[in-house]
Amino acid sequence: MKKGNMLIAQSGGPSMVINQSLVGAVLAARELKAVGKIYGALHGIQGILDERFVDLRKESRKTLEAVANTPSSALGSVRRKPTPEDCQSIFKVLRKLEVRYFFYIGGNDSAETVHIINEEAVREEYAIGCFHIPKTIDNDLRENDHTPGYGSAARFVACAVKGDDLDNRALGGVKIDVIMGRNAGFLTAAAALARQEEDDGPHLIYLPERPFSVEGFVKDVKAAVKRYGRCVVAVSEGIADQDGTPILAKFTQEVDSHGNVQLSGTGALGDLLAKVVKEQAGIKRVRADTFGYLQRSFPGIASATDALEARLVGVAAVEAAVSDEVSSGSVAIRRKATKKYGVEFAVIPLRLVAKETRRMPDAFINKAGNHVTQAFLDYARPLVGVLPPCARLGQLREG
């Protein structure tokens, strides 16, 4: 590809390590003669349409490294699906800026955006490399073993539930934690990493991959309280009934630009489940929390593995863009088939990642559909890292 300028942007929900990908790509590009100016678009494709850019060559390495370790989207984000008219406007801006390398950091909806722009570029015979850099705390991108952002959000969930379990152990009753996850339960499942001993919570975990039954839920909670004297529950915001209708969809009609029902930002599901337990299980002390957006951009808790891999996918995207092997694609993380944890990166066609998502494998969910298996714990531990240790008094432990 001829020498040209580069444009990079961020899209979708922020994460704790999304800026690692941004900085990885920018620093890699700054070392290449094939890349001229490096533009950062503010608020994704909206920034391209509005022609709002920052010059990322002017930022010092010290500043970029500090940004890399800062949560949330440094360039700002957006949730907007481009129309054909948008694409035409975007091309006009890209041509004016002489952009030959376009990178978009985000999840499956962002991959769809890159795919749409790339298809339009092909039809217009506009020579530009379009690359998707993966990011999603939901961990639901197809063709990936896992995605940047997941390990850190999973670490937050595991630590938060560990603390919640200690709180519940002290005061008793039932505690319900609602965790992000529309169609995939990977993030909610990470709550299981909080368990150190057999009686630790979460005692129950409910995921979107299994139909949710109110009657079964009440029965499970009562059984856990009988066994442990208390109960901590982790539940995905996207749990759905037998027909596949999200439980929360019955309480909201709000959708985003990609047509997805808005599940986050409300405590309705937790309140509903707490009310059900109080009324049908006869338990007085029932509390519910919705972790919500805290899971995405919490400072100081990022997984070291996640941060490193997020940096490397940004580098891999730039290396692929300037090579002669591919002109577009999405960077995917593949786990090596070795005893010691390791990964490698591959560039795959955008259409394989765009829009559609994956779900938790059956092998990761227990037969009863209310917890996870050892296979999931083995999968998730390297991504999350070692959690802060907690202890209890010997007499109480033995009792």
Foldseek 3Di string as FASTA:
>chain_A
DAAFEEEEEEADWWFQQLLLLVLLQLVLLVVDPSYDWYWYFAAPLVSLLVVPTDTPVPDDPVVSVVSRRATTTPRYYYDAADDLVSLVSSVVSCVVRRAAEYEYEEAQQRLQSLVVSVVSCVVVVPRHFGEYEYDDLLQWFPPALGTQRVQLLLLVLLQVLLVVQVVCVVPAAEEEEEEEHAQACLSLQSVVVNDDDDLTDQPWEATQVDADDLVVVLVSQLVNCVVNVHHYYGYYLNHHHPVRHGPCVVVDDDATNVGHTDRADDCVVQVVSQVSNCVPVVIDDYYYDYCGSCSGGPHDRGAPLSNVVSSVSSSVSNVVCPDPPDRYFYKHWDWDPDPDTDIDIDGDHSVSGHPDTHYDDPQQADPVNTHGDVVSVVSSDVSHDDHDDDDDDPVVVVD
